[in-house]
Amino acid sequence: MEVSSRHHLRSDAVREIADALREGLSVELDAESFELVEIADEDFDVVLVDGDPLVWYPEGEPFVTVQGANEFDPSTGVVTVDSGAISFVSDGADIMRPGITEAEAGIEEGDLVVVEEENHGKALAVGRALTSGDDMVGDSGKVVQNLHHVGDELYEFTV
């Protein structure tokens, strides 16, 4: 990933990010510095929070990265998968119903979600819900599109 520009965010932009994360994930953003990094060869930007890539803008919306989810530990917008799904999700596979053990009822189709593993509660991926949280547990079908996962370029991104 090639950085095209990097600059500190104004307080109103930081407030917008903090409000979005509070509303969507019930997390409080508490940090000293926020820098927007525009990526030349990707459709998203990254926000360095105290120097770490903890927030990104998939499809224009501020949301946590996998590292951000592990740092802030969201309590809403979370889908939990069993240990059998870990290797698939970590390799970028979309999330299927049989691997899901729990999904927050407030998730609506189209929402960004954090995908966590059930044993340690660690985030594995960030995805887009293809159905509501009430409809995610079951026997078959794809229910979350994997947008960013452990080991991908964004996960490995450093400045």
Protein backbone atom coordinates (compact mmCIF):
# COMPACT_ATOMS: atom_id res chain seq x y z
CA MET A 1 0.00 0.00 0.00
CA GLU A 2 1.43 3.33 -1.09
CA VAL A 3 0.81 6.40 1.07
CA SER A 4 -0.23 9.42 -1.01
CA SER A 5 -0.60 11.88 1.89
CA ARG A 6 -0.61 12.07 5.66
CA HIS A 7 -1.91 14.85 7.91
CA HIS A 8 -3.29 15.46 11.41
CA LEU A 9 -7.07 15.54 11.73
CA ARG A 10 -8.96 18.58 12.96
CA SER A 11 -11.01 18.24 16.14
CA ASP A 12 -14.34 18.13 14.23
CA ALA A 13 -13.11 15.17 12.15
CA VAL A 14 -11.93 13.39 15.31
CA ARG A 15 -15.33 14.06 16.91
CA GLU A 16 -17.08 12.57 13.85
CA ILE A 17 -14.99 9.39 14.13
CA ALA A 18 -15.53 9.17 17.90
CA ASP A 19 -19.30 9.62 17.50
CA ALA A 20 -19.51 6.96 14.78
CA LEU A 21 -17.56 4.43 16.85
CA ARG A 22 -19.57 5.19 19.99
CA GLU A 23 -22.86 4.81 18.12
CA GLY A 24 -21.93 1.74 16.05
CA LEU A 25 -19.75 -0.22 18.46
CA SER A 26 -20.20 1.32 21.92
CA VAL A 27 -16.49 2.14 22.18
CA GLU A 28 -14.89 5.29 23.53
CA LEU A 29 -12.05 6.70 21.49
CA ASP A 30 -9.41 8.11 23.83
CA ALA A 31 -6.10 9.15 22.28
CA GLU A 32 -3.65 12.01 21.91
CA SER A 33 -3.07 12.11 18.14
CA PHE A 34 -5.08 11.31 15.03
CA GLU A 35 -3.53 11.31 11.55
CA LEU A 36 -5.35 10.61 8.30
CA VAL A 37 -3.30 8.52 5.89
CA GLU A 38 -4.58 8.53 2.32
CA ILE A 39 -3.66 5.36 0.46
CA ALA A 40 -2.91 5.81 -3.25
CA ASP A 41 -3.64 2.27 -4.42
CA GLU A 42 -6.73 1.49 -2.26
CA ASP A 43 -10.33 2.77 -2.01
CA PHE A 44 -10.00 3.52 1.68
CA ASP A 45 -8.11 5.80 4.03
CA VAL A 46 -6.59 4.87 7.39
CA VAL A 47 -6.50 6.85 10.63
CA LEU A 48 -3.46 6.44 12.82
CA VAL A 49 -4.57 6.70 16.43
CA ASP A 50 -1.52 7.44 18.56
CA GLY A 51 0.55 6.10 15.65
CA ASP A 52 -1.33 2.81 15.12
CA PRO A 53 -3.76 2.03 12.24
CA LEU A 54 -6.85 1.59 14.41
CA VAL A 55 -9.55 3.22 12.25
CA TRP A 56 -10.26 3.06 8.53
CA TYR A 57 -12.91 4.26 6.09
CA PRO A 58 -14.34 1.28 4.20
CA GLU A 59 -16.82 2.69 1.68
CA GLY A 60 -16.54 6.13 3.29
CA GLU A 61 -17.62 5.24 6.84
CA PRO A 62 -15.26 5.42 9.84
CA PHE A 63 -14.88 2.02 11.49
CA VAL A 64 -12.27 0.14 13.50
CA THR A 65 -9.63 -2.01 11.85
CA VAL A 66 -8.99 -5.50 13.22
CA GLN A 67 -6.26 -3.97 15.43
CA GLY A 68 -8.69 -1.24 16.49
CA ALA A 69 -11.31 -3.82 17.45
CA ASN A 70 -8.75 -5.64 19.59
CA GLU A 71 -7.65 -2.34 21.17
CA PHE A 72 -11.13 -0.94 21.89
CA ASP A 73 -13.11 -4.19 22.46
CA PRO A 74 -16.52 -3.27 20.98
CA SER A 75 -19.63 -4.42 22.82
CA THR A 76 -22.10 -3.97 19.93
CA GLY A 77 -21.86 -4.79 16.23
CA VAL A 78 -20.08 -8.07 16.99
CA VAL A 79 -20.45 -11.49 15.32
CA THR A 80 -18.79 -14.44 17.08
CA VAL A 81 -17.46 -17.48 15.24
CA ASP A 82 -16.40 -20.91 16.49
CA SER A 83 -12.82 -22.16 16.45
CA GLY A 84 -13.43 -24.12 13.23
CA ALA A 85 -14.01 -20.88 11.33
CA ILE A 86 -10.82 -19.12 12.48
CA SER A 87 -8.50 -20.29 9.69
CA PHE A 88 -11.07 -19.56 6.97
CA VAL A 89 -11.93 -16.08 8.26
CA SER A 90 -8.23 -15.28 8.79
CA ASP A 91 -7.57 -16.23 5.16
CA GLY A 92 -10.24 -13.78 3.95
CA ALA A 93 -13.22 -16.09 3.50
CA ASP A 94 -16.69 -14.65 3.93
CA ILE A 95 -18.46 -15.73 7.10
CA MET A 96 -20.99 -18.53 6.79
CA ARG A 97 -23.91 -19.33 9.13
CA PRO A 98 -22.60 -22.71 10.36
CA GLY A 99 -19.49 -21.05 11.84
CA ILE A 100 -21.39 -18.40 13.78
CA THR A 101 -22.11 -19.07 17.44
CA GLU A 102 -23.60 -15.67 18.28
CA ALA A 103 -24.57 -12.41 16.58
CA GLU A 104 -25.80 -9.26 18.22
CA ALA A 105 -29.55 -8.84 17.59
CA GLY A 106 -29.19 -5.13 16.76
CA ILE A 107 -27.13 -5.79 13.63
CA GLU A 108 -28.98 -4.84 10.45
CA GLU A 109 -28.28 -5.86 6.87
CA GLY A 110 -25.59 -3.57 5.47
CA ASP A 111 -23.99 -2.74 8.83
CA LEU A 112 -20.26 -2.99 9.33
CA VAL A 113 -19.47 -5.65 11.95
CA VAL A 114 -16.50 -7.01 13.88
CA VAL A 115 -15.97 -10.77 13.63
CA GLU A 116 -14.48 -12.28 16.82
CA GLU A 117 -13.50 -15.81 17.76
CA GLU A 118 -15.38 -17.36 20.67
CA ASN A 119 -12.55 -18.63 22.91
CA HIS A 120 -10.54 -15.46 23.52
CA GLY A 121 -12.80 -12.76 22.07
CA LYS A 122 -10.08 -11.59 19.65
CA ALA A 123 -11.13 -9.85 16.46
CA LEU A 124 -10.36 -11.74 13.26
CA ALA A 125 -12.07 -9.59 10.66
CA VAL A 126 -14.27 -6.64 9.82
CA GLY A 127 -17.11 -7.26 7.43
CA ARG A 128 -20.41 -6.11 5.99
CA ALA A 129 -23.55 -7.85 7.29
CA LEU A 130 -25.52 -9.48 4.49
CA THR A 131 -28.47 -10.15 6.80
CA SER A 132 -29.72 -9.08 10.22
CA GLY A 133 -28.10 -10.34 13.43
CA ASP A 134 -31.25 -12.31 14.27
CA ASP A 135 -30.83 -14.27 11.03
CA MET A 136 -27.08 -15.03 11.23
CA VAL A 137 -27.04 -18.26 13.24
CA GLY A 138 -28.16 -21.27 11.22
CA ASP A 139 -27.25 -24.14 8.94
CA SER A 140 -26.20 -22.64 5.61
CA GLY A 141 -25.48 -19.48 3.68
CA LYS A 142 -23.10 -16.55 3.61
CA VAL A 143 -24.03 -13.85 6.14
CA VAL A 144 -21.00 -11.51 6.41
CA GLN A 145 -18.79 -10.28 3.59
CA ASN A 146 -15.18 -10.21 4.78
CA LEU A 147 -13.67 -6.76 4.03
CA HIS A 148 -10.51 -6.82 6.19
CA HIS A 149 -8.92 -9.65 8.13
CA VAL A 150 -5.91 -10.73 10.16
CA GLY A 151 -2.86 -10.94 7.89
CA ASP A 152 -4.13 -8.80 4.99
CA GLU A 153 -2.32 -5.67 3.73
CA LEU A 154 -4.24 -3.34 6.04
CA TYR A 155 -3.49 -5.55 9.03
CA GLU A 156 0.22 -5.49 8.16
CA PHE A 157 0.21 -1.74 7.34
CA THR A 158 2.85 0.42 9.01
CA VAL A 159 3.98 3.95 8.31
